[in-house]
Full PDB file with SEQRES, HELIX, SHEET, SSBOND, CRYST1, ORIGX, SCALE, CONECT and MASTER records, all heavy atoms in Angstrom:
SEQRES   1 A   41  VAL ALA GLY ALA ARG LEU GLY ALA TRP ALA TRP ASP GLU          
SEQRES   2 A   41  VAL VAL PRO TYR LEU ARG ALA ALA GLY HIS GLY ALA HIS          
SEQRES   3 A   41  PRO LEU THR LEU SER GLY LEU ALA ASP LYS ARG GLY VAL          
SEQRES   4 A   41  PRO ALA                                                      
HELIX    1 AA1 ALA A    8  TRP A   11  5                                   4    
HELIX    2 AA2 VAL A   15  ALA A   20  1                                   6    
HELIX    3 AA3 ALA A   34  LYS A   36  5                                   3    
CRYST1    1.000    1.000    1.000  90.00  90.00  90.00 P 1           1          
ORIGX1      1.000000  0.000000  0.000000        0.00000                         
ORIGX2      0.000000  1.000000  0.000000        0.00000                         
ORIGX3      0.000000  0.000000  1.000000        0.00000                         
SCALE1      1.000000  0.000000  0.000000        0.00000                         
SCALE2      0.000000  1.000000  0.000000        0.00000                         
SCALE3      0.000000  0.000000  1.000000        0.00000                         
ATOM      1  N   VAL A   1      59.361-200.634 -52.156  1.00  0.00           N  
ATOM      2  CA  VAL A   1      58.134-199.865 -51.992  1.00  0.00           C  
ATOM      3  C   VAL A   1      58.472-198.375 -52.031  1.00  0.00           C  
ATOM      4  O   VAL A   1      59.191-197.863 -51.170  1.00  0.00           O  
ATOM      5  CB  VAL A   1      57.431-200.201 -50.657  1.00  0.00           C  
ATOM      6  CG1 VAL A   1      56.017-199.630 -50.662  1.00  0.00           C  
ATOM      7  CG2 VAL A   1      57.395-201.711 -50.413  1.00  0.00           C  
ATOM      8  N   ALA A   2      57.968-197.694 -53.042  1.00  0.00           N  
ATOM      9  CA  ALA A   2      58.261-196.273 -53.215  1.00  0.00           C  
ATOM     10  C   ALA A   2      57.352-195.411 -52.347  1.00  0.00           C  
ATOM     11  O   ALA A   2      56.370-195.886 -51.767  1.00  0.00           O  
ATOM     12  CB  ALA A   2      58.113-195.884 -54.688  1.00  0.00           C  
ATOM     13  N   GLY A   3      57.679-194.131 -52.285  1.00  0.00           N  
ATOM     14  CA  GLY A   3      56.986-193.215 -51.389  1.00  0.00           C  
ATOM     15  C   GLY A   3      55.643-192.725 -51.883  1.00  0.00           C  
ATOM     16  O   GLY A   3      55.073-193.259 -52.846  1.00  0.00           O  
ATOM     17  N   ALA A   4      55.138-191.715 -51.226  1.00  0.00           N  
ATOM     18  CA  ALA A   4      53.806-191.177 -51.508  1.00  0.00           C  
ATOM     19  C   ALA A   4      53.648-190.830 -52.986  1.00  0.00           C  
ATOM     20  O   ALA A   4      54.565-190.312 -53.629  1.00  0.00           O  
ATOM     21  CB  ALA A   4      53.556-189.934 -50.660  1.00  0.00           C  
ATOM     22  N   ARG A   5      52.487-191.174 -53.510  1.00  0.00           N  
ATOM     23  CA  ARG A   5      52.063-190.834 -54.880  1.00  0.00           C  
ATOM     24  C   ARG A   5      52.700-191.705 -55.959  1.00  0.00           C  
ATOM     25  O   ARG A   5      52.375-191.573 -57.131  1.00  0.00           O  
ATOM     26  CB  ARG A   5      52.327-189.358 -55.200  1.00  0.00           C  
ATOM     27  CG  ARG A   5      51.811-188.361 -54.166  1.00  0.00           C  
ATOM     28  CD  ARG A   5      52.079-186.929 -54.618  1.00  0.00           C  
ATOM     29  NE  ARG A   5      51.614-185.941 -53.653  1.00  0.00           N  
ATOM     30  CZ  ARG A   5      52.391-185.386 -52.733  1.00  0.00           C  
ATOM     31  NH1 ARG A   5      53.681-185.722 -52.659  1.00  0.00           N  
ATOM     32  NH2 ARG A   5      51.907-184.486 -51.901  1.00  0.00           N  
ATOM     33  N   LEU A   6      53.614-192.587 -55.573  1.00  0.00           N  
ATOM     34  CA  LEU A   6      54.354-193.396 -56.547  1.00  0.00           C  
ATOM     35  C   LEU A   6      53.910-194.851 -56.506  1.00  0.00           C  
ATOM     36  O   LEU A   6      53.217-195.285 -55.592  1.00  0.00           O  
ATOM     37  CB  LEU A   6      55.851-193.304 -56.268  1.00  0.00           C  
ATOM     38  CG  LEU A   6      56.457-191.900 -56.233  1.00  0.00           C  
ATOM     39  CD1 LEU A   6      57.924-191.949 -55.828  1.00  0.00           C  
ATOM     40  CD2 LEU A   6      56.289-191.204 -57.590  1.00  0.00           C  
ATOM     41  N   GLY A   7      54.337-195.614 -57.523  1.00  0.00           N  
ATOM     42  CA  GLY A   7      54.015-197.028 -57.589  1.00  0.00           C  
ATOM     43  C   GLY A   7      55.238-197.860 -57.905  1.00  0.00           C  
ATOM     44  O   GLY A   7      56.376-197.355 -57.903  1.00  0.00           O  
ATOM     45  N   ALA A   8      55.016-199.122 -58.259  1.00  0.00           N  
ATOM     46  CA  ALA A   8      56.114-200.035 -58.565  1.00  0.00           C  
ATOM     47  C   ALA A   8      56.991-199.512 -59.699  1.00  0.00           C  
ATOM     48  O   ALA A   8      58.196-199.760 -59.737  1.00  0.00           O  
ATOM     49  CB  ALA A   8      55.548-201.406 -58.927  1.00  0.00           C  
ATOM     50  N   TRP A   9      56.399-198.762 -60.606  1.00  0.00           N  
ATOM     51  CA  TRP A   9      57.123-198.228 -61.762  1.00  0.00           C  
ATOM     52  C   TRP A   9      58.326-197.370 -61.358  1.00  0.00           C  
ATOM     53  O   TRP A   9      59.280-197.233 -62.136  1.00  0.00           O  
ATOM     54  CB  TRP A   9      56.174-197.393 -62.629  1.00  0.00           C  
ATOM     55  CG  TRP A   9      55.619-196.187 -61.916  1.00  0.00           C  
ATOM     56  CD1 TRP A   9      54.492-196.137 -61.145  1.00  0.00           C  
ATOM     57  CD2 TRP A   9      56.188-194.882 -61.885  1.00  0.00           C  
ATOM     58  NE1 TRP A   9      54.320-194.880 -60.630  1.00  0.00           N  
ATOM     59  CE2 TRP A   9      55.349-194.086 -61.073  1.00  0.00           C  
ATOM     60  CE3 TRP A   9      57.319-194.309 -62.455  1.00  0.00           C  
ATOM     61  CZ2 TRP A   9      55.603-192.731 -60.827  1.00  0.00           C  
ATOM     62  CZ3 TRP A   9      57.577-192.967 -62.208  1.00  0.00           C  
ATOM     63  CH2 TRP A   9      56.720-192.195 -61.404  1.00  0.00           C  
ATOM     64  N   ALA A  10      58.303-196.802 -60.174  1.00  0.00           N  
ATOM     65  CA  ALA A  10      59.382-195.910 -59.740  1.00  0.00           C  
ATOM     66  C   ALA A  10      60.720-196.630 -59.634  1.00  0.00           C  
ATOM     67  O   ALA A  10      61.781-195.991 -59.628  1.00  0.00           O  
ATOM     68  CB  ALA A  10      59.033-195.264 -58.400  1.00  0.00           C  
ATOM     69  N   TRP A  11      60.702-197.961 -59.565  1.00  0.00           N  
ATOM     70  CA  TRP A  11      61.932-198.753 -59.404  1.00  0.00           C  
ATOM     71  C   TRP A  11      62.447-199.326 -60.711  1.00  0.00           C  
ATOM     72  O   TRP A  11      63.368-200.149 -60.713  1.00  0.00           O  
ATOM     73  CB  TRP A  11      61.677-199.885 -58.407  1.00  0.00           C  
ATOM     74  CG  TRP A  11      61.225-199.421 -57.063  1.00  0.00           C  
ATOM     75  CD1 TRP A  11      59.958-199.428 -56.576  1.00  0.00           C  
ATOM     76  CD2 TRP A  11      62.040-198.860 -56.021  1.00  0.00           C  
ATOM     77  NE1 TRP A  11      59.926-198.909 -55.299  1.00  0.00           N  
ATOM     78  CE2 TRP A  11      61.196-198.553 -54.939  1.00  0.00           C  
ATOM     79  CE3 TRP A  11      63.408-198.596 -55.910  1.00  0.00           C  
ATOM     80  CZ2 TRP A  11      61.672-197.993 -53.750  1.00  0.00           C  
ATOM     81  CZ3 TRP A  11      63.884-198.038 -54.730  1.00  0.00           C  
ATOM     82  CH2 TRP A  11      63.010-197.743 -53.663  1.00  0.00           C  
ATOM     83  N   ASP A  12      61.882-198.913 -61.831  1.00  0.00           N  
ATOM     84  CA  ASP A  12      62.219-199.523 -63.122  1.00  0.00           C  
ATOM     85  C   ASP A  12      63.714-199.496 -63.438  1.00  0.00           C  
ATOM     86  O   ASP A  12      64.223-200.412 -64.103  1.00  0.00           O  
ATOM     87  CB  ASP A  12      61.455-198.833 -64.255  1.00  0.00           C  
ATOM     88  CG  ASP A  12      59.985-199.242 -64.306  1.00  0.00           C  
ATOM     89  OD1 ASP A  12      59.584-200.139 -63.543  1.00  0.00           O  
ATOM     90  OD2 ASP A  12      59.234-198.646 -65.119  1.00  0.00           O  
ATOM     91  N   GLU A  13      64.416-198.459 -63.007  1.00  0.00           N  
ATOM     92  CA  GLU A  13      65.838-198.367 -63.329  1.00  0.00           C  
ATOM     93  C   GLU A  13      66.734-199.017 -62.281  1.00  0.00           C  
ATOM     94  O   GLU A  13      67.936-199.187 -62.509  1.00  0.00           O  
ATOM     95  CB  GLU A  13      66.232-196.898 -63.517  1.00  0.00           C  
ATOM     96  CG  GLU A  13      65.587-196.252 -64.731  1.00  0.00           C  
ATOM     97  CD  GLU A  13      65.995-194.809 -64.892  1.00  0.00           C  
ATOM     98  OE1 GLU A  13      67.211-194.524 -64.892  1.00  0.00           O  
ATOM     99  OE2 GLU A  13      65.099-193.951 -65.008  1.00  0.00           O  
ATOM    100  N   VAL A  14      66.178-199.376 -61.140  1.00  0.00           N  
ATOM    101  CA  VAL A  14      66.941-200.040 -60.075  1.00  0.00           C  
ATOM    102  C   VAL A  14      66.880-201.553 -60.221  1.00  0.00           C  
ATOM    103  O   VAL A  14      67.885-202.254 -60.039  1.00  0.00           O  
ATOM    104  CB  VAL A  14      66.409-199.618 -58.692  1.00  0.00           C  
ATOM    105  CG1 VAL A  14      67.090-200.400 -57.574  1.00  0.00           C  
ATOM    106  CG2 VAL A  14      66.593-198.111 -58.483  1.00  0.00           C  
ATOM    107  N   VAL A  15      65.707-202.066 -60.575  1.00  0.00           N  
ATOM    108  CA  VAL A  15      65.472-203.508 -60.642  1.00  0.00           C  
ATOM    109  C   VAL A  15      66.497-204.253 -61.504  1.00  0.00           C  
ATOM    110  O   VAL A  15      67.009-205.312 -61.090  1.00  0.00           O  
ATOM    111  CB  VAL A  15      64.027-203.787 -61.119  1.00  0.00           C  
ATOM    112  CG1 VAL A  15      63.856-205.231 -61.572  1.00  0.00           C  
ATOM    113  CG2 VAL A  15      63.036-203.475 -60.001  1.00  0.00           C  
ATOM    114  N   PRO A  16      66.846-203.761 -62.710  1.00  0.00           N  
ATOM    115  CA  PRO A  16      67.793-204.524 -63.534  1.00  0.00           C  
ATOM    116  C   PRO A  16      69.145-204.763 -62.871  1.00  0.00           C  
ATOM    117  O   PRO A  16      69.751-205.825 -63.066  1.00  0.00           O  
ATOM    118  CB  PRO A  16      67.934-203.656 -64.795  1.00  0.00           C  
ATOM    119  CG  PRO A  16      66.666-202.875 -64.869  1.00  0.00           C  
ATOM    120  CD  PRO A  16      66.319-202.588 -63.452  1.00  0.00           C  
ATOM    121  N   TYR A  17      69.632-203.809 -62.085  1.00  0.00           N  
ATOM    122  CA  TYR A  17      70.917-203.986 -61.398  1.00  0.00           C  
ATOM    123  C   TYR A  17      70.839-205.098 -60.361  1.00  0.00           C  
ATOM    124  O   TYR A  17      71.777-205.885 -60.195  1.00  0.00           O  
ATOM    125  CB  TYR A  17      71.345-202.682 -60.725  1.00  0.00           C  
ATOM    126  CG  TYR A  17      71.695-201.573 -61.680  1.00  0.00           C  
ATOM    127  CD1 TYR A  17      70.863-200.472 -61.832  1.00  0.00           C  
ATOM    128  CD2 TYR A  17      72.873-201.610 -62.428  1.00  0.00           C  
ATOM    129  CE1 TYR A  17      71.178-199.440 -62.709  1.00  0.00           C  
ATOM    130  CE2 TYR A  17      73.203-200.585 -63.306  1.00  0.00           C  
ATOM    131  CZ  TYR A  17      72.355-199.498 -63.438  1.00  0.00           C  
ATOM    132  OH  TYR A  17      72.668-198.493 -64.302  1.00  0.00           O  
ATOM    133  N   LEU A  18      69.716-205.167 -59.648  1.00  0.00           N  
ATOM    134  CA  LEU A  18      69.551-206.197 -58.622  1.00  0.00           C  
ATOM    135  C   LEU A  18      69.440-207.582 -59.251  1.00  0.00           C  
ATOM    136  O   LEU A  18      70.054-208.545 -58.784  1.00  0.00           O  
ATOM    137  CB  LEU A  18      68.316-205.891 -57.774  1.00  0.00           C  
ATOM    138  CG  LEU A  18      68.301-204.534 -57.060  1.00  0.00           C  
ATOM    139  CD1 LEU A  18      66.978-204.342 -56.332  1.00  0.00           C  
ATOM    140  CD2 LEU A  18      69.467-204.406 -56.095  1.00  0.00           C  
ATOM    141  N   ARG A  19      68.679-207.683 -60.321  1.00  0.00           N  
ATOM    142  CA  ARG A  19      68.500-208.977 -60.987  1.00  0.00           C  
ATOM    143  C   ARG A  19      69.783-209.416 -61.684  1.00  0.00           C  
ATOM    144  O   ARG A  19      70.097-210.613 -61.708  1.00  0.00           O  
ATOM    145  CB  ARG A  19      67.333-208.893 -61.959  1.00  0.00           C  
ATOM    146  CG  ARG A  19      65.990-208.768 -61.227  1.00  0.00           C  
ATOM    147  CD  ARG A  19      64.805-208.675 -62.146  1.00  0.00           C  
ATOM    148  NE  ARG A  19      63.554-208.645 -61.365  1.00  0.00           N  
ATOM    149  CZ  ARG A  19      62.386-208.238 -61.852  1.00  0.00           C  
ATOM    150  NH1 ARG A  19      62.291-207.833 -63.120  1.00  0.00           N  
ATOM    151  NH2 ARG A  19      61.318-208.228 -61.084  1.00  0.00           N  
ATOM    152  N   ALA A  20      70.543-208.458 -62.228  1.00  0.00           N  
ATOM    153  CA  ALA A  20      71.813-208.806 -62.876  1.00  0.00           C  
ATOM    154  C   ALA A  20      72.807-209.375 -61.881  1.00  0.00           C  
ATOM    155  O   ALA A  20      73.691-210.158 -62.250  1.00  0.00           O  
ATOM    156  CB  ALA A  20      72.400-207.568 -63.562  1.00  0.00           C  
ATOM    157  N   ALA A  21      72.654-209.003 -60.612  1.00  0.00           N  
ATOM    158  CA  ALA A  21      73.529-209.522 -59.555  1.00  0.00           C  
ATOM    159  C   ALA A  21      73.030-210.862 -59.007  1.00  0.00           C  
ATOM    160  O   ALA A  21      73.609-211.398 -58.058  1.00  0.00           O  
ATOM    161  CB  ALA A  21      73.642-208.502 -58.427  1.00  0.00           C  
ATOM    162  N   GLY A  22      71.956-211.374 -59.579  1.00  0.00           N  
ATOM    163  CA  GLY A  22      71.478-212.703 -59.204  1.00  0.00           C  
ATOM    164  C   GLY A  22      70.420-212.734 -58.115  1.00  0.00           C  
ATOM    165  O   GLY A  22      70.122-213.807 -57.580  1.00  0.00           O  
ATOM    166  N   HIS A  23      69.837-211.584 -57.815  1.00  0.00           N  
ATOM    167  CA  HIS A  23      68.845-211.510 -56.736  1.00  0.00           C  
ATOM    168  C   HIS A  23      67.430-211.352 -57.284  1.00  0.00           C  
ATOM    169  O   HIS A  23      67.234-210.967 -58.437  1.00  0.00           O  
ATOM    170  CB  HIS A  23      69.168-210.339 -55.808  1.00  0.00           C  
ATOM    171  CG  HIS A  23      70.513-210.453 -55.155  1.00  0.00           C  
ATOM    172  ND1 HIS A  23      70.783-211.357 -54.154  1.00  0.00           N  
ATOM    173  CD2 HIS A  23      71.679-209.794 -55.383  1.00  0.00           C  
ATOM    174  CE1 HIS A  23      72.053-211.246 -53.780  1.00  0.00           C  
ATOM    175  NE2 HIS A  23      72.616-210.308 -54.517  1.00  0.00           N  
ATOM    176  N   GLY A  24      66.462-211.624 -56.433  1.00  0.00           N  
ATOM    177  CA  GLY A  24      65.078-211.352 -56.786  1.00  0.00           C  
ATOM    178  C   GLY A  24      64.743-209.899 -56.499  1.00  0.00           C  
ATOM    179  O   GLY A  24      65.208-209.341 -55.507  1.00  0.00           O  
ATOM    180  N   ALA A  25      63.957-209.301 -57.361  1.00  0.00           N  
ATOM    181  CA  ALA A  25      63.534-207.906 -57.169  1.00  0.00           C  
ATOM    182  C   ALA A  25      62.040-207.809 -57.430  1.00  0.00           C  
ATOM    183  O   ALA A  25      61.567-208.178 -58.514  1.00  0.00           O  
ATOM    184  CB  ALA A  25      64.305-206.976 -58.097  1.00  0.00           C  
ATOM    185  N   HIS A  26      61.315-207.341 -56.439  1.00  0.00           N  
ATOM    186  CA  HIS A  26      59.853-207.346 -56.490  1.00  0.00           C  
ATOM    187  C   HIS A  26      59.313-205.953 -56.147  1.00  0.00           C  
ATOM    188  O   HIS A  26      58.969-205.681 -54.992  1.00  0.00           O  
ATOM    189  CB  HIS A  26      59.308-208.390 -55.512  1.00  0.00           C  
ATOM    190  CG  HIS A  26      59.938-209.740 -55.663  1.00  0.00           C  
ATOM    191  ND1 HIS A  26      59.549-210.639 -56.625  1.00  0.00           N  
ATOM    192  CD2 HIS A  26      60.971-210.323 -54.990  1.00  0.00           C  
ATOM    193  CE1 HIS A  26      60.299-211.725 -56.537  1.00  0.00           C  
ATOM    194  NE2 HIS A  26      61.162-211.561 -55.552  1.00  0.00           N  
ATOM    195  N   PRO A  27      59.251-205.061 -57.133  1.00  0.00           N  
ATOM    196  CA  PRO A  27      58.671-203.739 -56.879  1.00  0.00           C  
ATOM    197  C   PRO A  27      57.179-203.865 -56.617  1.00  0.00           C  
ATOM    198  O   PRO A  27      56.486-204.657 -57.280  1.00  0.00           O  
ATOM    199  CB  PRO A  27      58.967-202.970 -58.171  1.00  0.00           C  
ATOM    200  CG  PRO A  27      59.114-204.019 -59.217  1.00  0.00           C  
ATOM    201  CD  PRO A  27      59.692-205.218 -58.525  1.00  0.00           C  
ATOM    202  N   LEU A  28      56.681-203.100 -55.656  1.00  0.00           N  
ATOM    203  CA  LEU A  28      55.298-203.264 -55.202  1.00  0.00           C  
ATOM    204  C   LEU A  28      54.556-201.932 -55.252  1.00  0.00           C  
ATOM    205  O   LEU A  28      55.067-200.916 -54.775  1.00  0.00           O  
ATOM    206  CB  LEU A  28      55.304-203.809 -53.766  1.00  0.00           C  
ATOM    207  CG  LEU A  28      53.959-203.938 -53.057  1.00  0.00           C  
ATOM    208  CD1 LEU A  28      53.075-204.959 -53.759  1.00  0.00           C  
ATOM    209  CD2 LEU A  28      54.175-204.343 -51.596  1.00  0.00           C  
ATOM    210  N   THR A  29      53.371-201.958 -55.820  1.00  0.00           N  
ATOM    211  CA  THR A  29      52.470-200.809 -55.756  1.00  0.00           C  
ATOM    212  C   THR A  29      51.520-200.994 -54.583  1.00  0.00           C  
ATOM    213  O   THR A  29      50.871-202.043 -54.462  1.00  0.00           O  
ATOM    214  CB  THR A  29      51.659-200.665 -57.051  1.00  0.00           C  
ATOM    215  OG1 THR A  29      52.540-200.374 -58.139  1.00  0.00           O  
ATOM    216  CG2 THR A  29      50.636-199.534 -56.931  1.00  0.00           C  
ATOM    217  N   LEU A  30      51.431-200.009 -53.727  1.00  0.00           N  
ATOM    218  CA  LEU A  30      50.509-200.058 -52.596  1.00  0.00           C  
ATOM    219  C   LEU A  30      49.085-199.729 -53.039  1.00  0.00           C  
ATOM    220  O   LEU A  30      48.872-199.032 -54.032  1.00  0.00           O  
ATOM    221  CB  LEU A  30      50.957-199.070 -51.517  1.00  0.00           C  
ATOM    222  CG  LEU A  30      52.328-199.339 -50.881  1.00  0.00           C  
ATOM    223  CD1 LEU A  30      52.697-198.206 -49.939  1.00  0.00           C  
ATOM    224  CD2 LEU A  30      52.349-200.682 -50.147  1.00  0.00           C  
ATOM    225  N   SER A  31      48.118-200.218 -52.279  1.00  0.00           N  
ATOM    226  CA  SER A  31      46.709-200.002 -52.597  1.00  0.00           C  
ATOM    227  C   SER A  31      46.383-198.510 -52.720  1.00  0.00           C  
ATOM    228  O   SER A  31      46.846-197.687 -51.930  1.00  0.00           O  
ATOM    229  CB  SER A  31      45.823-200.619 -51.511  1.00  0.00           C  
ATOM    230  OG  SER A  31      45.962-202.033 -51.493  1.00  0.00           O  
ATOM    231  N   GLY A  32      45.598-198.192 -53.748  1.00  0.00           N  
ATOM    232  CA  GLY A  32      45.144-196.823 -53.946  1.00  0.00           C  
ATOM    233  C   GLY A  32      46.035-195.980 -54.826  1.00  0.00           C  
ATOM    234  O   GLY A  32      45.711-194.823 -55.105  1.00  0.00           O  
ATOM    235  N   LEU A  33      47.168-196.544 -55.270  1.00  0.00           N  
ATOM    236  CA  LEU A  33      48.143-195.777 -56.038  1.00  0.00           C  
ATOM    237  C   LEU A  33      48.408-196.418 -57.403  1.00  0.00           C  
ATOM    238  O   LEU A  33      48.218-197.611 -57.587  1.00  0.00           O  
ATOM    239  CB  LEU A  33      49.465-195.692 -55.265  1.00  0.00           C  
ATOM    240  CG  LEU A  33      49.391-194.946 -53.938  1.00  0.00           C  
ATOM    241  CD1 LEU A  33      50.583-195.288 -53.064  1.00  0.00           C  
ATOM    242  CD2 LEU A  33      49.325-193.445 -54.191  1.00  0.00           C  
ATOM    243  N   ALA A  34      48.863-195.594 -58.348  1.00  0.00           N  
ATOM    244  CA  ALA A  34      49.317-196.061 -59.666  1.00  0.00           C  
ATOM    245  C   ALA A  34      48.324-197.061 -60.256  1.00  0.00           C  
ATOM    246  O   ALA A  34      47.137-196.745 -60.410  1.00  0.00           O  
ATOM    247  CB  ALA A  34      50.722-196.626 -59.561  1.00  0.00           C  
ATOM    248  N   ASP A  35      48.796-198.272 -60.579  1.00  0.00           N  
ATOM    249  CA  ASP A  35      47.931-199.280 -61.193  1.00  0.00           C  
ATOM    250  C   ASP A  35      46.889-199.845 -60.229  1.00  0.00           C  
ATOM    251  O   ASP A  35      46.004-200.603 -60.650  1.00  0.00           O  
ATOM    252  CB  ASP A  35      48.774-200.421 -61.772  1.00  0.00           C  
ATOM    253  CG  ASP A  35      49.777-200.982 -60.785  1.00  0.00           C  
ATOM    254  OD1 ASP A  35      50.656-200.226 -60.353  1.00  0.00           O  
ATOM    255  OD2 ASP A  35      49.690-202.177 -60.455  1.00  0.00           O  
ATOM    256  N   LYS A  36      46.964-199.474 -58.947  1.00  0.00           N  
ATOM    257  CA  LYS A  36      45.949-199.889 -57.971  1.00  0.00           C  
ATOM    258  C   LYS A  36      45.100-198.691 -57.521  1.00  0.00           C  
ATOM    259  O   LYS A  36      44.461-198.728 -56.471  1.00  0.00           O  
ATOM    260  CB  LYS A  36      46.611-200.544 -56.756  1.00  0.00           C  
ATOM    261  CG  LYS A  36      47.312-201.856 -57.090  1.00  0.00           C  
ATOM    262  CD  LYS A  36      47.935-202.470 -55.848  1.00  0.00           C  
ATOM    263  CE  LYS A  36      48.671-203.760 -56.187  1.00  0.00           C  
ATOM    264  NZ  LYS A  36      49.367-204.328 -54.995  1.00  0.00           N  
ATOM    265  N   ARG A  37      45.094-197.662 -58.342  1.00  0.00           N  
ATOM    266  CA  ARG A  37      44.293-196.474 -58.029  1.00  0.00           C  
ATOM    267  C   ARG A  37      42.822-196.871 -57.944  1.00  0.00           C  
ATOM    268  O   ARG A  37      42.316-197.642 -58.750  1.00  0.00           O  
ATOM    269  CB  ARG A  37      44.488-195.420 -59.116  1.00  0.00           C  
ATOM    270  CG  ARG A  37      43.874-194.079 -58.780  1.00  0.00           C  
ATOM    271  CD  ARG A  37      44.289-193.025 -59.789  1.00  0.00           C  
ATOM    272  NE  ARG A  37      43.738-191.718 -59.449  1.00  0.00           N  
ATOM    273  CZ  ARG A  37      43.994-190.603 -60.126  1.00  0.00           C  
ATOM    274  NH1 ARG A  37      44.792-190.643 -61.187  1.00  0.00           N  
ATOM    275  NH2 ARG A  37      43.463-189.446 -59.757  1.00  0.00           N  
ATOM    276  N   GLY A  38      42.146-196.345 -56.931  1.00  0.00           N  
ATOM    277  CA  GLY A  38      40.739-196.663 -56.735  1.00  0.00           C  
ATOM    278  C   GLY A  38      40.510-197.747 -55.698  1.00  0.00           C  
ATOM    279  O   GLY A  38      39.387-197.918 -55.210  1.00  0.00           O  
ATOM    280  N   VAL A  39      41.571-198.479 -55.331  1.00  0.00           N  
ATOM    281  CA  VAL A  39      41.445-199.500 -54.286  1.00  0.00           C  
ATOM    282  C   VAL A  39      41.462-198.803 -52.929  1.00  0.00           C  
ATOM    283  O   VAL A  39      42.384-198.034 -52.631  1.00  0.00           O  
ATOM    284  CB  VAL A  39      42.601-200.516 -54.372  1.00  0.00           C  
ATOM    285  CG1 VAL A  39      42.512-201.533 -53.236  1.00  0.00           C  
ATOM    286  CG2 VAL A  39      42.593-201.212 -55.725  1.00  0.00           C  
ATOM    287  N   PRO A  40      40.464-199.010 -52.080  1.00  0.00           N  
ATOM    288  CA  PRO A  40      40.438-198.342 -50.767  1.00  0.00           C  
ATOM    289  C   PRO A  40      41.671-198.704 -49.942  1.00  0.00           C  
ATOM    290  O   PRO A  40      42.141-199.844 -49.971  1.00  0.00           O  
ATOM    291  CB  PRO A  40      39.165-198.894 -50.116  1.00  0.00           C  
ATOM    292  CG  PRO A  40      38.317-199.369 -51.245  1.00  0.00           C  
ATOM    293  CD  PRO A  40      39.274-199.866 -52.292  1.00  0.00           C  
ATOM    294  N   ALA A  41      42.190-197.729 -49.219  1.00  0.00           N  
ATOM    295  CA  ALA A  41      43.409-197.986 -48.444  1.00  0.00           C  
ATOM    296  C   ALA A  41      43.444-197.167 -47.170  1.00  0.00           C  
ATOM    297  O   ALA A  41      43.132-195.982 -47.168  1.00  0.00           O  
ATOM    298  CB  ALA A  41      44.642-197.676 -49.289  1.00  0.00           C  
TER     299      ALA A  41                                                      
MASTER        0    0    0    3    0    0    0    6  298    1    0    4          
END                                                                             
């Protein structure tokens, strides 16, 4: 979960390293931000 003003996209360069190591990686956009802009929060 990225900081203020950011969304799941902020982790795009981190996720591949985690998945390459065999783990699950689930970047999350919080309500009202990025692709969830307009959702009350």
